[in-house]
C-alpha atoms as a PDB file:
ATOM      1  CA  PRO A   1      84.001  10.398 -29.533  1.00  0.00           C
ATOM      2  CA  CYS A   2      84.251   7.219 -31.501  1.00  0.00           C
ATOM      3  CA  THR A   3      81.112   5.333 -32.484  1.00  0.00           C
ATOM      4  CA  ARG A   4      80.669   1.586 -33.014  1.00  0.00           C
ATOM      5  CA  THR A   5      81.700   1.782 -36.690  1.00  0.00           C
ATOM      6  CA  CYS A   6      84.827   3.583 -35.722  1.00  0.00           C
ATOM      7  CA  LEU A   7      85.755   0.776 -33.277  1.00  0.00           C
ATOM      8  CA  ILE A   8      85.145  -1.934 -35.850  1.00  0.00           C
ATOM      9  CA  GLY A   9      87.101  -0.108 -38.537  1.00  0.00           C
ATOM     10  CA  ASN A  10      90.113   0.709 -36.417  1.00  0.00           C
ATOM     11  CA  LYS A  11      91.839  -2.321 -34.845  1.00  0.00           C
ATOM     12  CA  ASN A  12      94.035  -0.158 -32.650  1.00  0.00           C
ATOM     13  CA  MET A  13      90.949   1.473 -31.171  1.00  0.00           C
ATOM     14  CA  ILE A  14      89.453  -1.942 -30.417  1.00  0.00           C
ATOM     15  CA  HIS A  15      92.593  -2.908 -28.523  1.00  0.00           C
ATOM     16  CA  ILE A  16      92.426   0.310 -26.496  1.00  0.00           C
ATOM     17  CA  PHE A  17      88.704  -0.242 -25.803  1.00  0.00           C
ATOM     18  CA  ILE A  18      89.340  -3.812 -24.499  1.00  0.00           C
ATOM     19  CA  LYS A  19      92.156  -2.548 -22.247  1.00  0.00           C
ATOM     20  CA  LYS A  20      89.856   0.099 -20.786  1.00  0.00           C
ATOM     21  CA  MET A  21      87.149  -2.498 -20.163  1.00  0.00           C
ATOM     22  CA  TYR A  22      89.643  -4.853 -18.506  1.00  0.00           C
ATOM     23  CA  LYS A  23      90.944  -2.074 -16.234  1.00  0.00           C
ATOM     24  CA  SER A  24      87.404  -1.148 -15.248  1.00  0.00           C
ATOM     25  CA  LEU A  25      86.846  -4.596 -13.650  1.00  0.00           C
ATOM     26  CA  PRO A  26      87.505  -4.781  -9.910  1.00  0.00           C
ATOM     27  CA  ALA A  27      90.937  -6.152  -9.015  1.00  0.00           C
ATOM     28  CA  GLY A  28      89.659  -9.546  -7.695  1.00  0.00           C
ATOM     29  CA  ARG A  29      87.405 -10.363 -10.712  1.00  0.00           C
ATOM     30  CA  GLN A  30      89.831 -10.110 -13.603  1.00  0.00           C
ATOM     31  CA  GLY A  31      90.434 -13.910 -13.913  1.00  0.00           C
ATOM     32  CA  PHE A  32      86.918 -15.039 -13.022  1.00  0.00           C
ATOM     33  CA  THR A  33      85.867 -15.842 -16.608  1.00  0.00           C
ATOM     34  CA  VAL A  34      88.896 -18.041 -17.220  1.00  0.00           C
ATOM     35  CA  PHE A  35      88.401 -19.767 -13.854  1.00  0.00           C
ATOM     36  CA  PHE A  36      84.723 -20.376 -14.593  1.00  0.00           C
ATOM     37  CA  ALA A  37      85.523 -21.797 -18.069  1.00  0.00           C
ATOM     38  CA  VAL A  38      88.142 -24.163 -16.595  1.00  0.00           C
ATOM     39  CA  LEU A  39      85.693 -25.246 -13.881  1.00  0.00           C
ATOM     40  CA  VAL A  40      82.937 -26.039 -16.420  1.00  0.00           C
ATOM     41  CA  ALA A  41      85.395 -27.888 -18.702  1.00  0.00           C
ATOM     42  CA  SER A  42      86.693 -29.954 -15.754  1.00  0.00           C
ATOM     43  CA  LEU A  43      83.157 -30.850 -14.720  1.00  0.00           C
ATOM     44  CA  ALA A  44      82.248 -31.896 -18.280  1.00  0.00           C
ATOM     45  CA  LEU A  45      85.419 -33.986 -18.502  1.00  0.00           C
ATOM     46  CA  ALA A  46      84.701 -35.712 -15.173  1.00  0.00           C
ATOM     47  CA  ILE A  47      81.140 -36.540 -16.245  1.00  0.00           C
ATOM     48  CA  GLY A  48      82.357 -37.835 -19.611  1.00  0.00           C
ATOM     49  CA  LEU A  49      85.005 -40.056 -18.024  1.00  0.00           C
ATOM     50  CA  SER A  50      82.468 -41.411 -15.527  1.00  0.00           C
ATOM     51  CA  ILE A  51      80.059 -42.326 -18.328  1.00  0.00           C
ATOM     52  CA  TYR A  52      82.895 -43.981 -20.287  1.00  0.00           C
ATOM     53  CA  ASP A  53      83.990 -46.002 -17.243  1.00  0.00           C
ATOM     54  CA  LEU A  54      80.415 -47.114 -16.566  1.00  0.00           C
ATOM     55  CA  THR A  55      79.972 -48.156 -20.209  1.00  0.00           C
ATOM     56  CA  VAL A  56      83.178 -50.216 -20.199  1.00  0.00           C
ATOM     57  CA  ARG A  57      82.154 -51.982 -16.976  1.00  0.00           C
ATOM     58  CA  GLU A  58      78.677 -52.757 -18.317  1.00  0.00           C
ATOM     59  CA  LEU A  59      80.126 -54.214 -21.527  1.00  0.00           C
ATOM     60  CA  ASP A  60      82.512 -56.387 -19.510  1.00  0.00           C
ATOM     61  CA  LEU A  61      79.664 -57.594 -17.306  1.00  0.00           C
ATOM     62  CA  SER A  62      77.456 -58.429 -20.287  1.00  0.00           C
ATOM     63  CA  MET A  63      80.285 -60.390 -21.974  1.00  0.00           C
ATOM     64  CA  THR A  64      80.816 -62.349 -18.759  1.00  0.00           C
ATOM     65  CA  ALA A  65      77.102 -63.175 -18.680  1.00  0.00           C
ATOM     66  CA  VAL A  66      77.197 -64.425 -22.274  1.00  0.00           C
ATOM     67  CA  GLN A  67      80.284 -66.577 -21.638  1.00  0.00           C
ATOM     68  CA  SER A  68      78.678 -67.900 -18.447  1.00  0.00           C
ATOM     69  CA  GLN A  69      75.693 -69.062 -20.482  1.00  0.00           C
ATOM     70  CA  TYR A  70      78.014 -70.961 -22.841  1.00  0.00           C
ATOM     71  CA  ALA A  71      79.639 -72.684 -19.843  1.00  0.00           C
ATOM     72  CA  ILE A  72      76.316 -73.670 -18.233  1.00  0.00           C
ATOM     73  CA  TYR A  73      75.001 -74.990 -21.564  1.00  0.00           C
ATOM     74  CA  ALA A  74      78.145 -77.117 -21.942  1.00  0.00           C
ATOM     75  CA  ALA A  75      77.691 -78.474 -18.400  1.00  0.00           C
ATOM     76  CA  ASP A  76      74.050 -79.244 -19.149  1.00  0.00           C
ATOM     77  CA  THR A  77      74.974 -81.039 -22.384  1.00  0.00           C
ATOM     78  CA  GLY A  78      77.488 -83.212 -20.527  1.00  0.00           C
ATOM     79  CA  ALA A  79      75.032 -84.026 -17.733  1.00  0.00           C
ATOM     80  CA  GLU A  80      72.259 -84.905 -20.207  1.00  0.00           C
ATOM     81  CA  CYS A  81      74.633 -87.164 -22.118  1.00  0.00           C
ATOM     82  CA  ALA A  82      75.530 -89.023 -18.921  1.00  0.00           C
ATOM     83  CA  LEU A  83      71.883 -89.334 -17.878  1.00  0.00           C
ATOM     84  CA  TYR A  84      70.881 -90.653 -21.290  1.00  0.00           C
ATOM     85  CA  TRP A  85      73.562 -93.362 -21.386  1.00  0.00           C
ATOM     86  CA  ASP A  86      73.016 -94.274 -17.754  1.00  0.00           C
ATOM     87  CA  TYR A  87      69.404 -95.174 -18.545  1.00  0.00           C
ATOM     88  CA  LYS A  88      69.422 -96.202 -22.211  1.00  0.00           C
ATOM     89  CA  TYR A  89      72.466 -98.424 -22.751  1.00  0.00           C
ATOM     90  CA  GLN A  90      71.315-101.835 -24.016  1.00  0.00           C
ATOM     91  CA  GLY A  91      67.796-101.387 -22.775  1.00  0.00           C
ATOM     92  CA  SER A  92      68.040-100.824 -19.030  1.00  0.00           C
ATOM     93  CA  LYS A  93      71.739-101.268 -18.226  1.00  0.00           C
ATOM     94  CA  SER A  94      74.125 -98.398 -17.559  1.00  0.00           C
ATOM     95  CA  ALA A  95      77.023 -97.682 -19.885  1.00  0.00           C
ATOM     96  CA  PHE A  96      79.139 -96.655 -16.898  1.00  0.00           C
ATOM     97  CA  ALA A  97      81.138 -98.888 -14.584  1.00  0.00           C
ATOM     98  CA  THR A  98      79.594 -99.754 -11.212  1.00  0.00           C
ATOM     99  CA  SER A  99      82.450-101.722  -9.562  1.00  0.00           C
ATOM    100  CA  THR A 100      85.479-103.854 -10.381  1.00  0.00           C
ATOM    101  CA  ALA A 101      83.121-106.596 -11.558  1.00  0.00           C
ATOM    102  CA  SER A 102      81.564-104.421 -14.316  1.00  0.00           C
ATOM    103  CA  ALA A 103      82.915-104.150 -17.856  1.00  0.00           C
ATOM    104  CA  PRO A 104      81.828-100.894 -19.522  1.00  0.00           C
ATOM    105  CA  PRO A 105      81.888-100.631 -23.325  1.00  0.00           C
ATOM    106  CA  THR A 106      84.945 -99.306 -25.173  1.00  0.00           C
ATOM    107  CA  SER A 107      82.964 -97.698 -28.013  1.00  0.00           C
ATOM    108  CA  GLY A 108      79.446 -96.973 -29.213  1.00  0.00           C
ATOM    109  CA  ILE A 109      78.551 -94.348 -26.590  1.00  0.00           C
ATOM    110  CA  VAL A 110      77.851 -91.332 -28.805  1.00  0.00           C
ATOM    111  CA  CYS A 111      76.993 -87.842 -27.587  1.00  0.00           C
ATOM    112  CA  ASN A 112      77.067 -84.774 -29.824  1.00  0.00           C
ATOM    113  CA  GLN A 113      78.481 -86.945 -32.637  1.00  0.00           C
ATOM    114  CA  GLN A 114      81.456 -88.033 -30.479  1.00  0.00           C
ATOM    115  CA  ASP A 115      82.124 -91.525 -29.218  1.00  0.00           C
ATOM    116  CA  ILE A 116      82.945 -90.675 -25.609  1.00  0.00           C
ATOM    117  CA  ALA A 117      84.003 -94.239 -24.746  1.00  0.00           C
ATOM    118  CA  ALA A 118      86.603 -94.249 -27.528  1.00  0.00           C
ATOM    119  CA  ILE A 119      88.177 -90.877 -26.533  1.00  0.00           C
ATOM    120  CA  PRO A 120      89.020 -92.776 -24.051  1.00  0.00           C
ATOM    121  CA  TRP A 121      87.244 -92.242 -20.801  1.00  0.00           C
ATOM    122  CA  THR A 122      88.883 -92.783 -17.422  1.00  0.00           C
ATOM    123  CA  ILE A 123      87.523 -95.388 -15.009  1.00  0.00           C
ATOM    124  CA  VAL A 124      88.504 -95.737 -11.363  1.00  0.00           C
ATOM    125  CA  LYS A 125      87.049 -98.891  -9.761  1.00  0.00           C
ATOM    126  CA  THR A 126      86.799-100.330  -6.271  1.00  0.00           C
ATOM    127  CA  ALA A 127      84.901-103.369  -5.000  1.00  0.00           C
ATOM    128  CA  SER A 128      81.684-101.412  -4.367  1.00  0.00           C
ATOM    129  CA  ALA A 129      82.081 -98.241  -6.456  1.00  0.00           C
ATOM    130  CA  ALA A 130      83.376 -96.860  -9.741  1.00  0.00           C
ATOM    131  CA  THR A 131      83.833 -93.401 -11.247  1.00  0.00           C
ATOM    132  CA  THR A 132      83.863 -92.874 -15.000  1.00  0.00           C
ATOM    133  CA  THR A 133      85.175 -89.535 -16.314  1.00  0.00           C
ATOM    134  CA  PHE A 134      84.922 -88.275 -19.888  1.00  0.00           C
ATOM    135  CA  THR A 135      85.217 -85.006 -21.783  1.00  0.00           C
ATOM    136  CA  ILE A 136      82.821 -83.919 -24.487  1.00  0.00           C
ATOM    137  CA  GLN A 137      83.297 -81.084 -26.978  1.00  0.00           C
ATOM    138  CA  VAL A 138      80.136 -79.093 -27.570  1.00  0.00           C
ATOM    139  CA  SER A 139      79.402 -77.559 -30.981  1.00  0.00           C
ATOM    140  CA  ALA A 140      81.108 -74.291 -31.828  1.00  0.00           C
ATOM    141  CA  GLN A 141      79.501 -71.147 -30.492  1.00  0.00           C
ATOM    142  CA  SER A 142      77.876 -68.833 -32.987  1.00  0.00           C
ATOM    143  CA  GLN A 143      80.182 -65.976 -34.018  1.00  0.00           C
ATOM    144  CA  SER A 144      83.186 -67.605 -32.344  1.00  0.00           C
ATOM    145  CA  ILE A 145      85.932 -69.993 -33.342  1.00  0.00           C
ATOM    146  CA  THR A 146      86.282 -71.556 -29.890  1.00  0.00           C
ATOM    147  CA  THR A 147      84.346 -74.582 -28.708  1.00  0.00           C
ATOM    148  CA  THR A 148      82.808 -75.157 -25.339  1.00  0.00           C
ATOM    149  CA  CYS A 149      83.389 -78.416 -23.516  1.00  0.00           C
ATOM    150  CA  ALA A 150      82.357 -80.369 -20.456  1.00  0.00           C
ATOM    151  CA  THR A 151      84.206 -82.799 -18.225  1.00  0.00           C
ATOM    152  CA  VAL A 152      81.745 -85.236 -16.704  1.00  0.00           C
ATOM    153  CA  SER A 153      82.245 -87.671 -13.818  1.00  0.00           C
ATOM    154  CA  VAL A 154      79.716 -90.448 -13.277  1.00  0.00           C
ATOM    155  CA  GLY A 155      80.131 -92.077  -9.879  1.00  0.00           C
ATOM    156  CA  LYS A 156      78.234 -95.245  -9.063  1.00  0.00           C
ATOM    157  CA  TYR A 157      78.401 -96.737  -5.619  1.00  0.00           C
ATOM    158  CA  THR A 158      76.552 -99.332  -3.596  1.00  0.00           C
ATOM    159  CA  ASP A 159      75.577 -98.354  -0.059  1.00  0.00           C
ATOM    160  CA  PRO A 160      75.702-100.892   2.826  1.00  0.00           C
ATOM    161  CA  SER A 161      72.065-101.855   2.246  1.00  0.00           C
ATOM    162  CA  GLY A 162      72.860-102.843  -1.365  1.00  0.00           C
ATOM    163  CA  VAL A 163      71.201 -99.862  -3.106  1.00  0.00           C
ATOM    164  CA  LEU A 164      73.077 -98.550  -6.148  1.00  0.00           C
ATOM    165  CA  SER A 165      73.347 -94.744  -6.192  1.00  0.00           C
ATOM    166  CA  THR A 166      74.634 -92.454  -8.915  1.00  0.00           C
ATOM    167  CA  LEU A 167      76.340 -89.059  -8.720  1.00  0.00           C
ATOM    168  CA  ILE A 168      76.874 -87.117 -11.951  1.00  0.00           C
ATOM    169  CA  VAL A 169      79.059 -84.004 -11.796  1.00  0.00           C
ATOM    170  CA  SER A 170      79.399 -82.022 -15.024  1.00  0.00           C
ATOM    171  CA  HIS A 171      81.934 -79.181 -15.284  1.00  0.00           C
ATOM    172  CA  GLY A 172      81.112 -76.929 -18.249  1.00  0.00           C
ATOM    173  CA  TYR A 173      83.644 -74.482 -19.751  1.00  0.00           C
ATOM    174  CA  ASN A 174      83.083 -71.571 -22.119  1.00  0.00           C
ATOM    175  CA  THR A 175      86.382 -72.350 -23.852  1.00  0.00           C
ATOM    176  CA  CYS A 176      88.372 -75.578 -24.015  1.00  0.00           C
ATOM    177  CA  ILE A 177      91.759 -73.834 -23.960  1.00  0.00           C
ATOM    178  CA  PRO A 178      93.323 -74.812 -20.610  1.00  0.00           C
ATOM    179  CA  GLY A 179      94.349 -71.820 -18.511  1.00  0.00           C
ATOM    180  CA  ALA A 180      92.703 -69.279 -20.825  1.00  0.00           C
ATOM    181  CA  ARG A 181      92.403 -65.860 -19.196  1.00  0.00           C
ATOM    182  CA  ASN A 182      88.672 -65.639 -19.802  1.00  0.00           C
ATOM    183  CA  GLN A 183      87.755 -69.277 -19.079  1.00  0.00           C
ATOM    184  CA  LEU A 184      84.603 -69.689 -16.996  1.00  0.00           C
ATOM    185  CA  GLU A 185      83.480 -72.884 -15.309  1.00  0.00           C
ATOM    186  CA  ARG A 186      79.928 -73.797 -14.323  1.00  0.00           C
ATOM    187  CA  VAL A 187      79.082 -77.058 -12.513  1.00  0.00           C
ATOM    188  CA  LEU A 188      75.898 -79.128 -12.450  1.00  0.00           C
ATOM    189  CA  GLN A 189      75.483 -82.011 -10.029  1.00  0.00           C
ATOM    190  CA  ILE A 190      72.830 -84.724 -10.240  1.00  0.00           C
ATOM    191  CA  ASN A 191      72.388 -87.301  -7.510  1.00  0.00           C
ATOM    192  CA  TYR A 192      69.915 -90.207  -7.634  1.00  0.00           C
END
């Protein structure tokens, strides 16, 4: 009989020993090890792909949240600019048109180092109301070459009792490139 050293030393004997071991397995269990290995590998692959998919979705969601913040900050900047110039122009007057009788300025309304009246702004007037629309570029985002912007509409109207009301609607965008695939819009509305 051959001992362990004999099996290690003689490759032909090892081959014969493996064949005898394989034949000694019951007929239905000969491929079980390969099946089990494939099953474990498939399970590990499925878990790995699930983790990868979850990671990609989380990164996409977090980038959307960051870009959404840029858009809301741009909308807030535009709304604050409109509020400031509605209250502070030449003491207590508004810089924005109120009706066909009003004459808003054509320059000197500066927000974020931009003269928004000189851009020019758009004014739609009626006898008892007027809407002034302007766009403001907000400073460049950190770690990005794009700029955020806001399009602001300031509507002033007189109700039947003679009270002047104001509606400011500021649309903030995370990028100023029209039709960009990843452009987000956030809107702030102020009514007083």
